[in-house]
């Protein structure tokens, strides 16, 4: 799951989360910023390979 609010997401019991620093409503970055969106997707795929309970911070 992509989260903008990691403290809230942690309480829901989601098994894997990627914390991103973007504005609310834009979990993958700004519109048409395909480079950033590609990075988010790659990091989500990296996270999917990790065990349940894993959390990543978005790396620019």
PDB file of N, CA and C in Angstrom:
ATOM      1  N   UNK A   1       0.838  -1.171   0.000  1.00  0.00           N
ATOM      2  CA  UNK A   1       0.000   0.000   0.000  1.00  0.00           C
ATOM      3  C   UNK A   1       0.889   1.242   0.000  1.00  0.00           C
ATOM      4  N   UNK A   2       0.494   2.228  -0.748  1.00  0.00           N
ATOM      5  CA  UNK A   2       1.147   3.531  -0.706  1.00  0.00           C
ATOM      6  C   UNK A   2       0.439   4.331   0.372  1.00  0.00           C
ATOM      7  N   UNK A   3       1.202   4.978   1.229  1.00  0.00           N
ATOM      8  CA  UNK A   3       0.589   5.783   2.275  1.00  0.00           C
ATOM      9  C   UNK A   3       1.219   7.164   2.368  1.00  0.00           C
ATOM     10  N   UNK A   4       0.366   8.127   2.600  1.00  0.00           N
ATOM     11  CA  UNK A   4       0.809   9.493   2.853  1.00  0.00           C
ATOM     12  C   UNK A   4       0.786   9.771   4.355  1.00  0.00           C
ATOM     13  N   UNK A   5       0.096   8.902   5.095  1.00  0.00           N
ATOM     14  CA  UNK A   5      -0.076   9.051   6.542  1.00  0.00           C
ATOM     15  C   UNK A   5       0.326   7.744   7.225  1.00  0.00           C
ATOM     16  N   UNK A   6       1.618   7.498   7.399  1.00  0.00           N
ATOM     17  CA  UNK A   6       2.068   6.212   7.930  1.00  0.00           C
ATOM     18  C   UNK A   6       1.538   5.892   9.327  1.00  0.00           C
ATOM     19  N   UNK A   7       1.345   6.884  10.175  1.00  0.00           N
ATOM     20  CA  UNK A   7       0.837   6.619  11.523  1.00  0.00           C
ATOM     21  C   UNK A   7      -0.582   6.053  11.472  1.00  0.00           C
ATOM     22  N   UNK A   8      -1.389   6.575  10.591  1.00  0.00           N
ATOM     23  CA  UNK A   8      -2.761   6.097  10.439  1.00  0.00           C
ATOM     24  C   UNK A   8      -2.761   4.705   9.804  1.00  0.00           C
ATOM     25  N   UNK A   9      -1.968   4.528   8.769  1.00  0.00           N
ATOM     26  CA  UNK A   9      -1.915   3.252   8.060  1.00  0.00           C
ATOM     27  C   UNK A   9      -1.432   2.131   8.969  1.00  0.00           C
ATOM     28  N   UNK A  10      -0.493   2.418   9.830  1.00  0.00           N
ATOM     29  CA  UNK A  10       0.050   1.406  10.733  1.00  0.00           C
ATOM     30  C   UNK A  10      -1.048   0.802  11.614  1.00  0.00           C
ATOM     31  N   UNK A  11      -2.011   1.606  11.998  1.00  0.00           N
ATOM     32  CA  UNK A  11      -3.101   1.141  12.864  1.00  0.00           C
ATOM     33  C   UNK A  11      -4.065   0.193  12.149  1.00  0.00           C
ATOM     34  N   UNK A  12      -4.040   0.182  10.814  1.00  0.00           N
ATOM     35  CA  UNK A  12      -4.974  -0.653  10.064  1.00  0.00           C
ATOM     36  C   UNK A  12      -4.473  -2.079   9.875  1.00  0.00           C
ATOM     37  N   UNK A  13      -3.189  -2.329  10.124  1.00  0.00           N
ATOM     38  CA  UNK A  13      -2.655  -3.682   9.997  1.00  0.00           C
ATOM     39  C   UNK A  13      -2.308  -4.089   8.574  1.00  0.00           C
ATOM     40  N   UNK A  14      -2.077  -3.131   7.704  1.00  0.00           N
ATOM     41  CA  UNK A  14      -1.679  -3.432   6.328  1.00  0.00           C
ATOM     42  C   UNK A  14      -0.314  -4.120   6.355  1.00  0.00           C
ATOM     43  N   UNK A  15      -0.131  -5.224   5.619  1.00  0.00           N
ATOM     44  CA  UNK A  15       1.116  -5.983   5.727  1.00  0.00           C
ATOM     45  C   UNK A  15       2.366  -5.288   5.188  1.00  0.00           C
ATOM     46  N   UNK A  16       2.233  -4.471   4.165  1.00  0.00           N
ATOM     47  CA  UNK A  16       3.402  -3.805   3.585  1.00  0.00           C
ATOM     48  C   UNK A  16       3.011  -2.389   3.184  1.00  0.00           C
ATOM     49  N   UNK A  17       3.855  -1.413   3.521  1.00  0.00           N
ATOM     50  CA  UNK A  17       3.533  -0.030   3.166  1.00  0.00           C
ATOM     51  C   UNK A  17       4.751   0.708   2.632  1.00  0.00           C
ATOM     52  N   UNK A  18       4.492   1.590   1.701  1.00  0.00           N
ATOM     53  CA  UNK A  18       5.502   2.501   1.166  1.00  0.00           C
ATOM     54  C   UNK A  18       5.052   3.905   1.535  1.00  0.00           C
ATOM     55  N   UNK A  19       5.830   4.568   2.396  1.00  0.00           N
ATOM     56  CA  UNK A  19       5.506   5.935   2.816  1.00  0.00           C
ATOM     57  C   UNK A  19       6.107   6.904   1.807  1.00  0.00           C
ATOM     58  N   UNK A  20       5.237   7.732   1.233  1.00  0.00           N
ATOM     59  CA  UNK A  20       5.683   8.719   0.249  1.00  0.00           C
ATOM     60  C   UNK A  20       5.454  10.129   0.790  1.00  0.00           C
ATOM     61  N   UNK A  21       6.279  11.095   0.400  1.00  0.00           N
ATOM     62  CA  UNK A  21       6.190  12.457   0.945  1.00  0.00           C
ATOM     63  C   UNK A  21       5.361  13.426   0.099  1.00  0.00           C
ATOM     64  N   UNK A  22       4.451  12.913  -0.701  1.00  0.00           N
ATOM     65  CA  UNK A  22       3.716  13.771  -1.625  1.00  0.00           C
ATOM     66  C   UNK A  22       2.461  14.347  -0.985  1.00  0.00           C
ATOM     67  N   UNK A  23       1.800  15.276  -1.708  1.00  0.00           N
ATOM     68  CA  UNK A  23       0.575  15.911  -1.235  1.00  0.00           C
ATOM     69  C   UNK A  23      -0.568  14.904  -1.183  1.00  0.00           C
ATOM     70  N   UNK A  24      -1.533  15.152  -0.288  1.00  0.00           N
ATOM     71  CA  UNK A  24      -2.729  14.324  -0.237  1.00  0.00           C
ATOM     72  C   UNK A  24      -3.408  14.326  -1.604  1.00  0.00           C
ATOM     73  N   UNK A  25      -3.838  13.159  -2.032  1.00  0.00           N
ATOM     74  CA  UNK A  25      -4.474  13.034  -3.334  1.00  0.00           C
ATOM     75  C   UNK A  25      -3.513  12.748  -4.467  1.00  0.00           C
ATOM     76  N   UNK A  26      -2.220  12.761  -4.171  1.00  0.00           N
ATOM     77  CA  UNK A  26      -1.209  12.513  -5.198  1.00  0.00           C
ATOM     78  C   UNK A  26      -0.180  11.503  -4.688  1.00  0.00           C
ATOM     79  N   UNK A  27      -0.605  10.275  -4.416  1.00  0.00           N
ATOM     80  CA  UNK A  27       0.292   9.291  -3.816  1.00  0.00           C
ATOM     81  C   UNK A  27       1.455   8.863  -4.707  1.00  0.00           C
ATOM     82  N   UNK A  28       1.371   9.152  -5.993  1.00  0.00           N
ATOM     83  CA  UNK A  28       2.464   8.794  -6.900  1.00  0.00           C
ATOM     84  C   UNK A  28       3.211  10.017  -7.401  1.00  0.00           C
ATOM     85  N   UNK A  29       2.989  11.172  -6.799  1.00  0.00           N
ATOM     86  CA  UNK A  29       3.656  12.401  -7.211  1.00  0.00           C
ATOM     87  C   UNK A  29       2.764  13.282  -8.060  1.00  0.00           C
ATOM     88  N   UNK A  30       3.365  14.273  -8.650  1.00  0.00           N
ATOM     89  CA  UNK A  30       2.633  15.253  -9.459  1.00  0.00           C
ATOM     90  C   UNK A  30       2.156  14.637 -10.776  1.00  0.00           C
ATOM     91  N   UNK A  31       1.047  15.149 -11.302  1.00  0.00           N
ATOM     92  CA  UNK A  31       0.573  14.660 -12.598  1.00  0.00           C
ATOM     93  C   UNK A  31       1.637  14.850 -13.682  1.00  0.00           C
ATOM     94  N   UNK A  32       1.757  13.874 -14.533  1.00  0.00           N
ATOM     95  CA  UNK A  32       2.674  13.880 -15.680  1.00  0.00           C
ATOM     96  C   UNK A  32       4.148  13.832 -15.288  1.00  0.00           C
ATOM     97  N   UNK A  33       4.444  13.580 -14.021  1.00  0.00           N
ATOM     98  CA  UNK A  33       5.830  13.388 -13.590  1.00  0.00           C
ATOM     99  C   UNK A  33       6.117  11.887 -13.668  1.00  0.00           C
ATOM    100  N   UNK A  34       6.329  11.423 -14.892  1.00  0.00           N
ATOM    101  CA  UNK A  34       6.442   9.988 -15.128  1.00  0.00           C
ATOM    102  C   UNK A  34       7.698   9.382 -14.507  1.00  0.00           C
ATOM    103  N   UNK A  35       8.737  10.156 -14.360  1.00  0.00           N
ATOM    104  CA  UNK A  35       9.958   9.652 -13.721  1.00  0.00           C
ATOM    105  C   UNK A  35       9.714   9.281 -12.260  1.00  0.00           C
ATOM    106  N   UNK A  36       9.039  10.171 -11.537  1.00  0.00           N
ATOM    107  CA  UNK A  36       8.730   9.907 -10.130  1.00  0.00           C
ATOM    108  C   UNK A  36       7.754   8.746 -10.016  1.00  0.00           C
ATOM    109  N   UNK A  37       6.754   8.714 -10.862  1.00  0.00           N
ATOM    110  CA  UNK A  37       5.763   7.635 -10.818  1.00  0.00           C
ATOM    111  C   UNK A  37       6.421   6.282 -11.074  1.00  0.00           C
ATOM    112  N   UNK A  38       7.367   6.257 -11.977  1.00  0.00           N
ATOM    113  CA  UNK A  38       8.094   5.018 -12.275  1.00  0.00           C
ATOM    114  C   UNK A  38       8.889   4.561 -11.045  1.00  0.00           C
ATOM    115  N   UNK A  39       9.511   5.505 -10.339  1.00  0.00           N
ATOM    116  CA  UNK A  39      10.254   5.175  -9.122  1.00  0.00           C
ATOM    117  C   UNK A  39       9.325   4.589  -8.057  1.00  0.00           C
ATOM    118  N   UNK A  40       8.142   5.182  -7.916  1.00  0.00           N
ATOM    119  CA  UNK A  40       7.174   4.686  -6.932  1.00  0.00           C
ATOM    120  C   UNK A  40       6.788   3.245  -7.258  1.00  0.00           C
ATOM    121  N   UNK A  41       6.493   2.965  -8.521  1.00  0.00           N
ATOM    122  CA  UNK A  41       6.106   1.609  -8.920  1.00  0.00           C
ATOM    123  C   UNK A  41       7.249   0.623  -8.681  1.00  0.00           C
ATOM    124  N   UNK A  42       8.464   1.003  -9.011  1.00  0.00           N
ATOM    125  CA  UNK A  42       9.614   0.119  -8.786  1.00  0.00           C
ATOM    126  C   UNK A  42       9.792  -0.174  -7.297  1.00  0.00           C
ATOM    127  N   UNK A  43       9.613   0.838  -6.458  1.00  0.00           N
ATOM    128  CA  UNK A  43       9.751   0.623  -5.025  1.00  0.00           C
ATOM    129  C   UNK A  43       8.613  -0.234  -4.475  1.00  0.00           C
ATOM    130  N   UNK A  44       7.418  -0.115  -5.043  1.00  0.00           N
ATOM    131  CA  UNK A  44       6.310  -0.982  -4.647  1.00  0.00           C
ATOM    132  C   UNK A  44       6.601  -2.430  -5.013  1.00  0.00           C
ATOM    133  N   UNK A  45       7.177  -2.660  -6.182  1.00  0.00           N
ATOM    134  CA  UNK A  45       7.535  -4.015  -6.584  1.00  0.00           C
ATOM    135  C   UNK A  45       8.618  -4.588  -5.669  1.00  0.00           C
ATOM    136  N   UNK A  46       9.572  -3.756  -5.285  1.00  0.00           N
ATOM    137  CA  UNK A  46      10.604  -4.162  -4.329  1.00  0.00           C
ATOM    138  C   UNK A  46       9.962  -4.541  -2.992  1.00  0.00           C
ATOM    139  N   UNK A  47       8.995  -3.765  -2.566  1.00  0.00           N
ATOM    140  CA  UNK A  47       8.300  -4.004  -1.306  1.00  0.00           C
ATOM    141  C   UNK A  47       7.495  -5.299  -1.358  1.00  0.00           C
ATOM    142  N   UNK A  48       6.914  -5.609  -2.506  1.00  0.00           N
ATOM    143  CA  UNK A  48       6.101  -6.815  -2.653  1.00  0.00           C
ATOM    144  C   UNK A  48       6.908  -8.086  -2.409  1.00  0.00           C
ATOM    145  N   UNK A  49       8.209  -8.026  -2.620  1.00  0.00           N
ATOM    146  CA  UNK A  49       9.075  -9.188  -2.415  1.00  0.00           C
ATOM    147  C   UNK A  49       9.487  -9.354  -0.957  1.00  0.00           C
ATOM    148  N   UNK A  50       9.218  -8.381  -0.131  1.00  0.00           N
ATOM    149  CA  UNK A  50       9.617  -8.422   1.267  1.00  0.00           C
ATOM    150  C   UNK A  50       8.550  -9.115   2.115  1.00  0.00           C
ATOM    151  N   UNK A  51       8.926  -9.598   3.285  1.00  0.00           N
ATOM    152  CA  UNK A  51       7.952 -10.286   4.150  1.00  0.00           C
ATOM    153  C   UNK A  51       6.905  -9.326   4.716  1.00  0.00           C
ATOM    154  N   UNK A  52       5.793  -9.908   5.143  1.00  0.00           N
ATOM    155  CA  UNK A  52       4.724  -9.116   5.754  1.00  0.00           C
ATOM    156  C   UNK A  52       5.278  -8.320   6.927  1.00  0.00           C
ATOM    157  N   UNK A  53       4.764  -7.136   7.116  1.00  0.00           N
ATOM    158  CA  UNK A  53       5.229  -6.252   8.180  1.00  0.00           C
ATOM    159  C   UNK A  53       6.297  -5.276   7.714  1.00  0.00           C
ATOM    160  N   UNK A  54       6.699  -5.383   6.456  1.00  0.00           N
ATOM    161  CA  UNK A  54       7.746  -4.509   5.931  1.00  0.00           C
ATOM    162  C   UNK A  54       7.204  -3.125   5.626  1.00  0.00           C
ATOM    163  N   UNK A  55       8.060  -2.147   5.842  1.00  0.00           N
ATOM    164  CA  UNK A  55       7.729  -0.766   5.549  1.00  0.00           C
ATOM    165  C   UNK A  55       8.934  -0.110   4.889  1.00  0.00           C
ATOM    166  N   UNK A  56       8.683   0.652   3.849  1.00  0.00           N
ATOM    167  CA  UNK A  56       9.749   1.377   3.154  1.00  0.00           C
ATOM    168  C   UNK A  56       9.423   2.861   3.137  1.00  0.00           C
ATOM    169  N   UNK A  57      10.454   3.651   3.167  1.00  0.00           N
ATOM    170  CA  UNK A  57      10.343   5.094   2.986  1.00  0.00           C
ATOM    171  C   UNK A  57      10.742   5.371   1.539  1.00  0.00           C
ATOM    172  N   UNK A  58       9.984   6.177   0.824  1.00  0.00           N
ATOM    173  CA  UNK A  58      10.271   6.500  -0.559  1.00  0.00           C
ATOM    174  C   UNK A  58      11.669   7.087  -0.676  1.00  0.00           C
ATOM    175  N   UNK A  59      12.437   6.557  -1.620  1.00  0.00           N
ATOM    176  CA  UNK A  59      13.786   7.073  -1.890  1.00  0.00           C
ATOM    177  C   UNK A  59      13.759   7.795  -3.222  1.00  0.00           C
ATOM    178  N   UNK A  60      14.109   9.057  -3.205  1.00  0.00           N
ATOM    179  CA  UNK A  60      14.087   9.853  -4.416  1.00  0.00           C
ATOM    180  C   UNK A  60      15.233   9.537  -5.310  1.00  0.00           C
TER     181      UNK A  60
END
